[in-house]
Amino acid sequence: MGNNVPIIWYETIDSTNNEALRHISELDNLSVLAATEQTAGRGQRGNEWKSAAGDNLTFSIVLKFGAGAQPALAVRDQFRITLASTLAVHGFLADRGVQAKIKWPNDIYAGNRKICGMLIENGIDSAFLKWSVIGIGINVNQTDFRSDMINAASIAGITGKKYPLRESLDSFMDCFMTRLPSVWDSPDALLEEYHANMFRKGTVCEYVDCASGETFRAAIIGITPDARLRLSLAGGEERTYAFKEVSYVI
């Protein structure tokens, strides 16, 4: 097991995030729940996360904060969890020969195709996090995707190799545990690395303002300290958007 982190495997479950939330009070810090098959996987924006049974990694990492667990983390700093998690996936993929980019806030793309999705859910106590459930789905061995998943990619589809899932999850946890201390020790370095690996950073592309419906062209500059997306338009205008306020045209 990666860094002696306990991994609980399920053959079939609705969602590893759901299971973690159902048992959050009982689960230890750094518990990992993984499933061979999810019947109701969840993604961002309330979307389903579709994954062929037995082909991919679908799992959730439970972090707890405070005495006997992870150091305290303020709610205002919660995006640091996203930084560490996305960079762990980025490193895991790079180790397997997949050159990927991070599509703000926490999807991972290989070229213009999505290879990993993430759903992070937090419990809050006043100004601090009580716990965080990091749900991750990585397309590993699946190469036949449904017609409505035309932008999907997988490690096997890119490298031509198949990968054992349990050993792959152990390897991912090595990457994750390497990144995790930086949430407290060097968050600026995490942010710098995130900026360096952002999908479409510095390239003029089309976006849609979700409030007005306006389609416009802009280049990603990076993110603000509160994790809003910074976009530079022609003529020097800069706009910032929170999650769900802007969408990419892929």
Protein backbone atom coordinates (compact mmCIF):
# COMPACT_ATOMS: atom_id res chain seq x y z
CA MET A 1 0.00 0.00 0.00
CA GLY A 2 1.19 3.49 -0.81
CA ASN A 3 2.74 4.96 2.34
CA ASN A 4 0.77 2.51 4.49
CA VAL A 5 -2.49 4.31 3.75
CA PRO A 6 -5.41 1.89 4.31
CA ILE A 7 -7.50 1.33 1.17
CA ILE A 8 -11.00 -0.12 1.48
CA TRP A 9 -12.12 -1.74 -1.79
CA TYR A 10 -15.75 -2.29 -2.81
CA GLU A 11 -16.85 -4.39 -5.76
CA THR A 12 -19.98 -2.30 -6.39
CA ILE A 13 -21.16 0.86 -4.66
CA ASP A 14 -23.27 3.87 -5.57
CA SER A 15 -20.45 6.38 -5.05
CA THR A 16 -17.29 6.35 -2.96
CA ASN A 17 -17.98 9.96 -1.96
CA ASN A 18 -21.48 8.99 -0.85
CA GLU A 19 -20.09 6.11 1.20
CA ALA A 20 -17.46 8.34 2.79
CA LEU A 21 -20.08 10.94 3.71
CA ARG A 22 -22.36 8.27 5.18
CA HIS A 23 -19.58 7.12 7.51
CA ILE A 24 -17.57 10.32 7.91
CA SER A 25 -17.67 10.23 11.72
CA GLU A 26 -16.30 6.67 11.79
CA LEU A 27 -13.60 6.93 9.16
CA ASP A 28 -10.00 7.65 10.12
CA ASN A 29 -7.93 10.45 8.69
CA LEU A 30 -6.42 9.34 5.35
CA SER A 31 -8.91 6.54 4.80
CA VAL A 32 -9.29 5.68 1.12
CA LEU A 33 -12.47 4.15 -0.31
CA ALA A 34 -12.18 2.64 -3.80
CA ALA A 35 -14.69 0.85 -6.02
CA THR A 36 -14.41 -1.56 -8.92
CA GLU A 37 -17.80 -0.25 -10.05
CA GLN A 38 -19.76 2.88 -9.15
CA THR A 39 -23.45 2.89 -10.03
CA ALA A 40 -24.03 6.58 -9.27
CA GLY A 41 -20.67 8.33 -9.48
CA ARG A 42 -20.87 12.08 -9.08
CA GLY A 43 -18.91 14.88 -10.71
CA GLN A 44 -18.88 18.65 -10.62
CA ARG A 45 -22.03 20.69 -11.39
CA GLY A 46 -24.20 17.75 -10.34
CA ASN A 47 -23.06 15.67 -13.32
CA GLU A 48 -22.76 11.90 -13.30
CA TRP A 49 -19.29 10.39 -13.53
CA LYS A 50 -19.55 7.49 -15.98
CA SER A 51 -16.93 4.76 -15.70
CA ALA A 52 -16.83 1.23 -17.12
CA ALA A 53 -16.81 -1.40 -14.36
CA GLY A 54 -13.34 -2.77 -13.64
CA ASP A 55 -11.52 -0.48 -16.06
CA ASN A 56 -10.81 2.70 -14.14
CA LEU A 57 -9.88 4.17 -10.78
CA THR A 58 -12.81 5.59 -8.82
CA PHE A 59 -11.98 6.43 -5.22
CA SER A 60 -12.29 8.94 -2.38
CA ILE A 61 -9.68 10.14 0.10
CA VAL A 62 -10.84 11.25 3.54
CA LEU A 63 -8.87 14.01 5.26
CA LYS A 64 -9.63 15.08 8.80
CA PHE A 65 -8.22 18.18 10.43
CA GLY A 66 -7.24 19.00 13.99
CA ALA A 67 -5.83 17.05 16.92
CA GLY A 68 -4.52 13.65 15.89
CA ALA A 69 -5.12 14.28 12.19
CA GLN A 70 -4.02 16.85 9.60
CA PRO A 71 -3.03 20.33 10.82
CA ALA A 72 -5.83 22.90 10.97
CA LEU A 73 -6.80 24.46 7.63
CA ALA A 74 -8.88 27.62 7.33
CA VAL A 75 -11.92 27.60 5.05
CA ARG A 76 -10.39 30.48 3.11
CA ASP A 77 -7.46 28.17 2.24
CA GLN A 78 -9.53 25.17 1.14
CA PHE A 79 -8.40 25.47 -2.51
CA ARG A 80 -5.00 24.25 -1.38
CA ILE A 81 -6.56 20.78 -1.21
CA THR A 82 -7.45 21.13 -4.90
CA LEU A 83 -3.90 22.27 -5.71
CA ALA A 84 -2.32 19.24 -4.04
CA SER A 85 -4.88 16.78 -5.45
CA THR A 86 -4.71 17.95 -9.07
CA LEU A 87 -0.92 18.06 -9.00
CA ALA A 88 -0.83 14.54 -7.55
CA VAL A 89 -2.91 13.33 -10.51
CA HIS A 90 -0.71 15.31 -12.90
CA GLY A 91 2.41 13.63 -11.49
CA PHE A 92 0.81 10.17 -11.48
CA LEU A 93 -0.05 10.56 -15.17
CA ALA A 94 3.39 11.91 -16.05
CA ASP A 95 4.97 8.83 -14.45
CA ARG A 96 2.98 6.77 -16.97
CA GLY A 97 3.98 8.85 -19.97
CA VAL A 98 0.82 10.95 -20.17
CA GLN A 99 1.36 14.67 -20.63
CA ALA A 100 -1.65 16.34 -19.05
CA LYS A 101 -2.90 19.79 -18.05
CA ILE A 102 -5.18 20.98 -15.26
CA LYS A 103 -8.46 22.48 -16.47
CA TRP A 104 -9.55 24.93 -13.79
CA PRO A 105 -10.61 24.21 -11.21
CA ASN A 106 -9.89 20.45 -10.96
CA ASP A 107 -10.37 18.46 -14.17
CA ILE A 108 -7.36 16.91 -15.87
CA TYR A 109 -7.08 16.93 -19.65
CA ALA A 110 -4.77 15.14 -22.06
CA GLY A 111 -4.87 17.32 -25.14
CA ASN A 112 -8.50 18.38 -25.47
CA ARG A 113 -9.82 15.22 -23.82
CA LYS A 114 -10.78 14.68 -20.19
CA ILE A 115 -8.85 11.92 -18.45
CA CYS A 116 -9.71 12.70 -14.82
CA GLY A 117 -12.50 14.37 -12.88
CA MET A 118 -12.64 15.36 -9.25
CA LEU A 119 -15.31 16.25 -6.69
CA ILE A 120 -14.14 17.65 -3.35
CA GLU A 121 -16.69 18.01 -0.54
CA ASN A 122 -15.86 19.71 2.74
CA GLY A 123 -17.26 19.81 6.24
CA ILE A 124 -16.88 23.17 7.98
CA ASP A 125 -16.70 24.18 11.63
CA SER A 126 -16.76 27.96 11.93
CA ALA A 127 -13.75 29.28 9.97
CA PHE A 128 -11.98 25.90 9.65
CA LEU A 129 -12.40 22.64 7.78
CA LYS A 130 -13.50 19.63 9.83
CA TRP A 131 -12.97 17.14 7.02
CA SER A 132 -12.52 16.89 3.29
CA VAL A 133 -13.64 14.08 0.98
CA ILE A 134 -11.65 14.10 -2.26
CA GLY A 135 -13.44 12.07 -4.92
CA ILE A 136 -11.29 11.21 -7.94
CA GLY A 137 -12.05 9.33 -11.14
CA ILE A 138 -9.14 8.51 -13.45
CA ASN A 139 -9.74 6.80 -16.80
CA VAL A 140 -7.12 4.04 -16.78
CA ASN A 141 -7.94 1.04 -19.01
CA GLN A 142 -11.21 2.01 -20.68
CA THR A 143 -10.80 2.67 -24.40
CA ASP A 144 -14.41 2.39 -25.64
CA PHE A 145 -16.42 5.40 -24.51
CA ARG A 146 -20.09 6.17 -25.02
CA SER A 147 -21.03 8.48 -27.85
CA ASP A 148 -21.87 11.27 -25.39
CA MET A 149 -18.33 11.06 -23.94
CA ILE A 150 -16.52 12.11 -27.11
CA ASN A 151 -13.95 14.16 -25.20
CA ALA A 152 -12.85 11.29 -22.95
CA ALA A 153 -9.32 9.87 -22.84
CA SER A 154 -7.59 7.15 -20.82
CA ILE A 155 -4.06 6.18 -19.89
CA ALA A 156 -4.34 2.92 -21.87
CA GLY A 157 -5.76 4.73 -24.87
CA ILE A 158 -2.74 7.04 -24.92
CA THR A 159 0.05 4.60 -24.00
CA GLY A 160 -1.34 1.37 -25.47
CA LYS A 161 -0.70 -0.41 -22.15
CA LYS A 162 -3.05 -1.86 -19.53
CA TYR A 163 -2.52 -1.16 -15.84
CA PRO A 164 -3.46 -3.14 -12.68
CA LEU A 165 -5.87 -0.95 -10.75
CA ARG A 166 -4.96 -1.80 -7.16
CA GLU A 167 -1.24 -1.29 -7.75
CA SER A 168 -2.03 1.90 -9.66
CA LEU A 169 -4.01 3.30 -6.73
CA ASP A 170 -1.12 2.48 -4.38
CA SER A 171 1.16 4.43 -6.74
CA PHE A 172 -1.26 7.34 -6.88
CA MET A 173 -1.34 7.52 -3.09
CA ASP A 174 2.45 7.80 -3.11
CA CYS A 175 2.06 10.87 -5.35
CA PHE A 176 -0.69 12.29 -3.16
CA MET A 177 1.20 11.80 0.11
CA THR A 178 4.23 13.52 -1.41
CA ARG A 179 2.11 16.57 -2.28
CA LEU A 180 -0.03 16.77 0.85
CA PRO A 181 2.49 18.38 3.27
CA SER A 182 2.86 21.33 0.86
CA VAL A 183 -0.74 22.35 1.67
CA TRP A 184 0.72 23.77 4.90
CA ASP A 185 4.48 23.96 4.25
CA SER A 186 4.68 25.54 0.79
CA PRO A 187 1.28 26.56 -0.64
CA ASP A 188 2.91 29.22 -2.85
CA ALA A 189 4.99 26.53 -4.55
CA LEU A 190 1.83 24.48 -5.14
CA LEU A 191 0.13 27.50 -6.69
CA GLU A 192 3.12 28.22 -8.92
CA GLU A 193 3.18 24.62 -10.16
CA TYR A 194 -0.58 24.68 -10.72
CA HIS A 195 -0.22 27.86 -12.80
CA ALA A 196 2.57 26.26 -14.84
CA ASN A 197 0.37 23.30 -15.75
CA MET A 198 -2.99 24.98 -16.44
CA PHE A 199 -4.95 23.87 -19.50
CA ARG A 200 -4.91 26.57 -22.22
CA LYS A 201 -2.90 29.02 -20.12
CA GLY A 202 -1.63 31.83 -22.34
CA THR A 203 -3.56 30.63 -25.40
CA VAL A 204 -6.45 32.68 -26.81
CA CYS A 205 -9.59 30.48 -26.84
CA GLU A 206 -13.37 30.83 -26.65
CA TYR A 207 -15.30 31.02 -23.38
CA VAL A 208 -18.92 31.59 -22.44
CA ASP A 209 -20.07 33.95 -19.70
CA CYS A 210 -22.70 31.79 -17.97
CA ALA A 211 -24.73 34.76 -16.70
CA SER A 212 -25.02 36.70 -19.95
CA GLY A 213 -24.52 33.90 -22.49
CA GLU A 214 -21.83 35.99 -24.19
CA THR A 215 -19.16 34.06 -26.09
CA PHE A 216 -15.80 35.79 -26.01
CA ARG A 217 -12.15 35.13 -26.72
CA ALA A 218 -9.54 35.38 -24.01
CA ALA A 219 -6.35 33.86 -22.65
CA ILE A 220 -5.98 32.39 -19.16
CA ILE A 221 -3.55 34.32 -16.96
CA GLY A 222 -3.94 32.14 -13.87
CA ILE A 223 -6.10 32.23 -10.76
CA THR A 224 -6.63 34.82 -8.04
CA PRO A 225 -5.77 34.15 -4.37
CA ASP A 226 -9.41 33.08 -3.83
CA ALA A 227 -9.21 30.66 -6.81
CA ARG A 228 -11.16 32.72 -9.36
CA LEU A 229 -10.11 32.24 -12.99
CA ARG A 230 -8.23 35.22 -14.46
CA LEU A 231 -8.80 35.86 -18.18
CA SER A 232 -7.17 38.47 -20.40
CA LEU A 233 -9.25 39.79 -23.31
CA ALA A 234 -8.09 41.65 -26.40
CA GLY A 235 -7.26 45.26 -25.60
CA GLY A 236 -5.98 44.46 -22.14
CA GLU A 237 -9.29 43.98 -20.31
CA GLU A 238 -9.08 41.42 -17.52
CA ARG A 239 -12.01 39.47 -16.14
CA THR A 240 -12.21 37.10 -13.18
CA TYR A 241 -14.77 34.34 -12.77
CA ALA A 242 -15.80 32.06 -9.92
CA PHE A 243 -16.63 28.40 -10.52
CA LYS A 244 -19.79 27.97 -12.63
CA GLU A 245 -19.65 31.59 -13.84
CA VAL A 246 -17.74 30.78 -17.03
CA SER A 247 -17.46 27.73 -19.26
CA TYR A 248 -14.83 26.59 -21.73
CA VAL A 249 -15.65 26.00 -25.39
CA ILE A 250 -13.87 22.71 -26.08
